[in-house]
Amino acid sequence: MKGLLAGFALMFMAVGASAATVQERYDQSCTYCHSTGAAGAPKTGDQAAWKPRMEKGMDTLVKHIKEGFKAMPPGGMCSDCSDEEYRALIEHMTK
């Protein structure tokens, strides 16, 4: 029973750490344009602006980040992010 509880505790700690990592990545890489709408970037939390982009599908959005799209440089401002991190950042910005 103690092992099971310890496992749940580690799982919840990992989820919390993951959320903090997404926020940290956002603060380091995305906030510059997506908090202000600079260069036409959809603002974080602006669901109306994100809706037509999300309709293109997550794979397309990740591809746009990796290759660059309009004023966004390749990799956005996170050249060492994985595809999973890009997905998490997109989800973070759309809420």
N, C-alpha and C. Protein backbone atom coordinates (compact mmCIF):
# COMPACT_ATOMS: atom_id res chain seq x y z
N MET A 1 0.82 -1.20 0.00
CA MET A 1 0.00 0.00 0.00
C MET A 1 0.86 1.25 0.00
N LYS A 2 1.95 1.25 0.80
CA LYS A 2 2.84 2.41 0.84
C LYS A 2 3.45 2.65 -0.53
N GLY A 3 3.80 1.56 -1.22
CA GLY A 3 4.39 1.68 -2.56
C GLY A 3 3.41 2.29 -3.54
N LEU A 4 2.15 1.90 -3.44
CA LEU A 4 1.12 2.44 -4.31
C LEU A 4 0.93 3.93 -4.06
N LEU A 5 0.89 4.32 -2.80
CA LEU A 5 0.74 5.73 -2.47
C LEU A 5 1.95 6.54 -2.93
N ALA A 6 3.12 5.98 -2.76
CA ALA A 6 4.33 6.66 -3.22
C ALA A 6 4.31 6.83 -4.73
N GLY A 7 3.82 5.81 -5.43
CA GLY A 7 3.71 5.90 -6.88
C GLY A 7 2.77 7.02 -7.32
N PHE A 8 1.61 7.12 -6.64
CA PHE A 8 0.68 8.20 -6.95
C PHE A 8 1.30 9.56 -6.65
N ALA A 9 2.01 9.65 -5.55
CA ALA A 9 2.64 10.92 -5.19
C ALA A 9 3.65 11.34 -6.26
N LEU A 10 4.45 10.39 -6.74
CA LEU A 10 5.42 10.69 -7.79
C LEU A 10 4.73 11.10 -9.08
N MET A 11 3.63 10.45 -9.39
CA MET A 11 2.89 10.77 -10.59
C MET A 11 2.37 12.21 -10.52
N PHE A 12 1.79 12.59 -9.40
CA PHE A 12 1.26 13.95 -9.26
C PHE A 12 2.38 14.98 -9.27
N MET A 13 3.52 14.64 -8.69
CA MET A 13 4.66 15.55 -8.72
C MET A 13 5.15 15.73 -10.15
N ALA A 14 5.19 14.67 -10.92
CA ALA A 14 5.63 14.74 -12.30
C ALA A 14 4.68 15.59 -13.13
N VAL A 15 3.39 15.46 -12.90
CA VAL A 15 2.41 16.28 -13.62
C VAL A 15 2.62 17.74 -13.28
N GLY A 16 2.84 18.06 -12.03
CA GLY A 16 3.10 19.43 -11.63
C GLY A 16 4.38 19.97 -12.24
N ALA A 17 5.41 19.14 -12.28
CA ALA A 17 6.68 19.56 -12.87
C ALA A 17 6.51 19.79 -14.36
N SER A 18 5.73 18.95 -15.01
CA SER A 18 5.49 19.10 -16.43
C SER A 18 4.80 20.42 -16.72
N ALA A 19 3.78 20.76 -15.95
CA ALA A 19 3.07 22.01 -16.13
C ALA A 19 4.01 23.20 -15.93
N ALA A 20 4.86 23.13 -14.94
CA ALA A 20 5.82 24.21 -14.70
C ALA A 20 6.78 24.32 -15.88
N THR A 21 7.18 23.21 -16.44
CA THR A 21 8.10 23.22 -17.56
C THR A 21 7.45 23.89 -18.77
N VAL A 22 6.20 23.61 -19.02
CA VAL A 22 5.49 24.25 -20.13
C VAL A 22 5.44 25.76 -19.90
N GLN A 23 5.11 26.17 -18.70
CA GLN A 23 5.07 27.60 -18.39
C GLN A 23 6.44 28.24 -18.54
N GLU A 24 7.47 27.54 -18.05
CA GLU A 24 8.83 28.06 -18.19
C GLU A 24 9.23 28.19 -19.65
N ARG A 25 8.92 27.17 -20.43
CA ARG A 25 9.22 27.21 -21.88
C ARG A 25 8.47 28.37 -22.53
N TYR A 26 7.21 28.52 -22.18
CA TYR A 26 6.41 29.61 -22.72
C TYR A 26 7.05 30.95 -22.35
N ASP A 27 7.40 31.12 -21.09
CA ASP A 27 7.99 32.37 -20.62
C ASP A 27 9.32 32.66 -21.32
N GLN A 28 10.08 31.62 -21.63
CA GLN A 28 11.39 31.79 -22.26
C GLN A 28 11.29 31.97 -23.77
N SER A 29 10.26 31.42 -24.39
CA SER A 29 10.26 31.34 -25.84
C SER A 29 9.08 31.98 -26.54
N CYS A 30 7.91 31.88 -25.99
CA CYS A 30 6.68 32.24 -26.72
C CYS A 30 6.09 33.58 -26.32
N THR A 31 6.30 33.96 -25.08
CA THR A 31 5.62 35.13 -24.53
C THR A 31 5.92 36.42 -25.30
N TYR A 32 7.11 36.51 -25.87
CA TYR A 32 7.51 37.74 -26.55
C TYR A 32 6.51 38.15 -27.63
N CYS A 33 6.05 37.21 -28.40
CA CYS A 33 5.10 37.52 -29.47
C CYS A 33 3.66 37.17 -29.11
N HIS A 34 3.48 36.04 -28.43
CA HIS A 34 2.12 35.56 -28.20
C HIS A 34 1.40 36.25 -27.04
N SER A 35 2.11 36.99 -26.21
CA SER A 35 1.42 37.74 -25.15
C SER A 35 0.94 39.10 -25.67
N THR A 36 1.57 39.57 -26.74
CA THR A 36 1.24 40.90 -27.27
C THR A 36 0.58 40.86 -28.64
N GLY A 37 0.72 39.75 -29.34
CA GLY A 37 0.21 39.67 -30.71
C GLY A 37 1.18 40.27 -31.72
N ALA A 38 2.43 40.42 -31.32
CA ALA A 38 3.45 41.00 -32.20
C ALA A 38 3.54 40.23 -33.52
N ALA A 39 3.70 40.96 -34.59
CA ALA A 39 3.88 40.39 -35.93
C ALA A 39 2.73 39.46 -36.34
N GLY A 40 1.55 39.69 -35.79
CA GLY A 40 0.39 38.90 -36.15
C GLY A 40 0.24 37.58 -35.42
N ALA A 41 1.06 37.36 -34.40
CA ALA A 41 0.97 36.11 -33.62
C ALA A 41 -0.35 36.08 -32.86
N PRO A 42 -1.04 34.93 -32.86
CA PRO A 42 -2.27 34.84 -32.06
C PRO A 42 -1.93 34.95 -30.58
N LYS A 43 -2.67 35.78 -29.88
CA LYS A 43 -2.40 35.98 -28.45
C LYS A 43 -2.78 34.74 -27.64
N THR A 44 -2.00 34.51 -26.62
CA THR A 44 -2.29 33.42 -25.69
C THR A 44 -3.65 33.66 -25.06
N GLY A 45 -4.48 32.63 -25.10
CA GLY A 45 -5.81 32.71 -24.51
C GLY A 45 -6.89 33.25 -25.42
N ASP A 46 -6.52 33.73 -26.60
CA ASP A 46 -7.50 34.26 -27.55
C ASP A 46 -8.04 33.11 -28.38
N GLN A 47 -9.06 32.46 -27.86
CA GLN A 47 -9.58 31.25 -28.49
C GLN A 47 -10.12 31.52 -29.89
N ALA A 48 -10.67 32.69 -30.13
CA ALA A 48 -11.18 33.02 -31.46
C ALA A 48 -10.04 33.08 -32.48
N ALA A 49 -8.91 33.64 -32.08
CA ALA A 49 -7.75 33.71 -32.98
C ALA A 49 -7.13 32.34 -33.22
N TRP A 50 -7.17 31.49 -32.21
CA TRP A 50 -6.57 30.17 -32.32
C TRP A 50 -7.46 29.16 -33.05
N LYS A 51 -8.77 29.38 -33.04
CA LYS A 51 -9.69 28.39 -33.60
C LYS A 51 -9.37 28.02 -35.05
N PRO A 52 -9.22 28.98 -35.98
CA PRO A 52 -8.93 28.57 -37.36
C PRO A 52 -7.57 27.88 -37.50
N ARG A 53 -6.66 28.21 -36.64
CA ARG A 53 -5.35 27.55 -36.67
C ARG A 53 -5.47 26.12 -36.18
N MET A 54 -6.20 25.93 -35.08
CA MET A 54 -6.38 24.59 -34.52
C MET A 54 -7.13 23.68 -35.49
N GLU A 55 -7.99 24.26 -36.32
CA GLU A 55 -8.74 23.47 -37.29
C GLU A 55 -7.82 22.86 -38.35
N LYS A 56 -6.63 23.42 -38.51
CA LYS A 56 -5.66 22.87 -39.46
C LYS A 56 -5.01 21.59 -38.92
N GLY A 57 -5.12 21.38 -37.62
CA GLY A 57 -4.58 20.19 -36.99
C GLY A 57 -3.25 20.44 -36.31
N MET A 58 -3.03 19.70 -35.26
CA MET A 58 -1.82 19.86 -34.45
C MET A 58 -0.55 19.58 -35.26
N ASP A 59 -0.60 18.56 -36.13
CA ASP A 59 0.59 18.24 -36.92
C ASP A 59 1.01 19.42 -37.80
N THR A 60 0.04 20.10 -38.39
CA THR A 60 0.33 21.27 -39.23
C THR A 60 0.91 22.40 -38.39
N LEU A 61 0.36 22.62 -37.20
CA LEU A 61 0.87 23.69 -36.35
C LEU A 61 2.30 23.41 -35.90
N VAL A 62 2.57 22.16 -35.55
CA VAL A 62 3.94 21.80 -35.15
C VAL A 62 4.88 21.98 -36.34
N LYS A 63 4.44 21.59 -37.52
CA LYS A 63 5.26 21.77 -38.73
C LYS A 63 5.55 23.26 -38.95
N HIS A 64 4.55 24.12 -38.77
CA HIS A 64 4.76 25.55 -38.94
C HIS A 64 5.80 26.07 -37.95
N ILE A 65 5.74 25.58 -36.73
CA ILE A 65 6.75 26.02 -35.75
C ILE A 65 8.13 25.56 -36.19
N LYS A 66 8.25 24.31 -36.53
CA LYS A 66 9.56 23.75 -36.87
C LYS A 66 10.18 24.40 -38.11
N GLU A 67 9.35 24.68 -39.10
CA GLU A 67 9.85 25.22 -40.36
C GLU A 67 9.82 26.74 -40.41
N GLY A 68 9.08 27.34 -39.49
CA GLY A 68 8.85 28.78 -39.53
C GLY A 68 7.58 29.04 -40.32
N PHE A 69 6.88 30.10 -39.96
CA PHE A 69 5.63 30.41 -40.63
C PHE A 69 5.36 31.90 -40.50
N LYS A 70 5.17 32.54 -41.65
CA LYS A 70 4.99 34.00 -41.70
C LYS A 70 6.14 34.66 -40.94
N ALA A 71 5.88 35.45 -39.91
CA ALA A 71 6.94 36.17 -39.21
C ALA A 71 7.66 35.31 -38.16
N MET A 72 7.14 34.10 -37.88
CA MET A 72 7.77 33.24 -36.86
C MET A 72 8.97 32.51 -37.47
N PRO A 73 10.13 32.63 -36.83
CA PRO A 73 11.31 31.94 -37.35
C PRO A 73 11.22 30.44 -37.12
N PRO A 74 11.98 29.65 -37.87
CA PRO A 74 11.99 28.21 -37.63
C PRO A 74 12.31 27.90 -36.16
N GLY A 75 11.51 27.03 -35.58
CA GLY A 75 11.68 26.67 -34.17
C GLY A 75 11.04 27.66 -33.23
N GLY A 76 10.37 28.67 -33.77
CA GLY A 76 9.86 29.72 -32.90
C GLY A 76 11.06 30.34 -32.21
N MET A 77 10.99 30.45 -30.94
CA MET A 77 12.14 30.90 -30.16
C MET A 77 12.65 29.77 -29.27
N CYS A 78 12.24 28.54 -29.62
CA CYS A 78 12.64 27.37 -28.83
C CYS A 78 13.24 26.34 -29.77
N SER A 79 14.47 26.55 -30.14
CA SER A 79 15.12 25.67 -31.11
C SER A 79 15.42 24.28 -30.56
N ASP A 80 15.38 24.11 -29.24
CA ASP A 80 15.66 22.80 -28.67
C ASP A 80 14.41 22.08 -28.16
N CYS A 81 13.22 22.60 -28.49
CA CYS A 81 11.97 21.95 -28.07
C CYS A 81 11.72 20.70 -28.91
N SER A 82 11.15 19.71 -28.28
CA SER A 82 10.71 18.51 -28.99
C SER A 82 9.32 18.75 -29.56
N ASP A 83 8.89 17.86 -30.44
CA ASP A 83 7.53 17.97 -30.97
C ASP A 83 6.49 17.94 -29.85
N GLU A 84 6.73 17.11 -28.83
CA GLU A 84 5.81 17.02 -27.71
C GLU A 84 5.75 18.33 -26.94
N GLU A 85 6.90 18.99 -26.80
CA GLU A 85 6.91 20.29 -26.12
C GLU A 85 6.20 21.35 -26.95
N TYR A 86 6.39 21.31 -28.27
CA TYR A 86 5.65 22.24 -29.13
C TYR A 86 4.15 22.04 -28.98
N ARG A 87 3.72 20.79 -28.97
CA ARG A 87 2.29 20.50 -28.80
C ARG A 87 1.78 21.04 -27.46
N ALA A 88 2.55 20.82 -26.41
CA ALA A 88 2.15 21.29 -25.08
C ALA A 88 2.09 22.83 -25.06
N LEU A 89 3.02 23.48 -25.72
CA LEU A 89 3.02 24.93 -25.76
C LEU A 89 1.81 25.45 -26.54
N ILE A 90 1.49 24.82 -27.66
CA ILE A 90 0.31 25.22 -28.42
C ILE A 90 -0.94 25.06 -27.55
N GLU A 91 -1.07 23.91 -26.92
CA GLU A 91 -2.24 23.70 -26.05
C GLU A 91 -2.30 24.74 -24.95
N HIS A 92 -1.17 25.06 -24.38
CA HIS A 92 -1.10 26.09 -23.32
C HIS A 92 -1.60 27.43 -23.85
N MET A 93 -1.18 27.79 -25.05
CA MET A 93 -1.53 29.11 -25.59
C MET A 93 -2.99 29.19 -26.04
N THR A 94 -3.60 28.07 -26.33
CA THR A 94 -4.98 28.10 -26.83
C THR A 94 -6.01 28.16 -25.72
N LYS A 95 -5.60 28.04 -24.48
CA LYS A 95 -6.56 28.02 -23.37
C LYS A 95 -6.69 29.38 -22.71
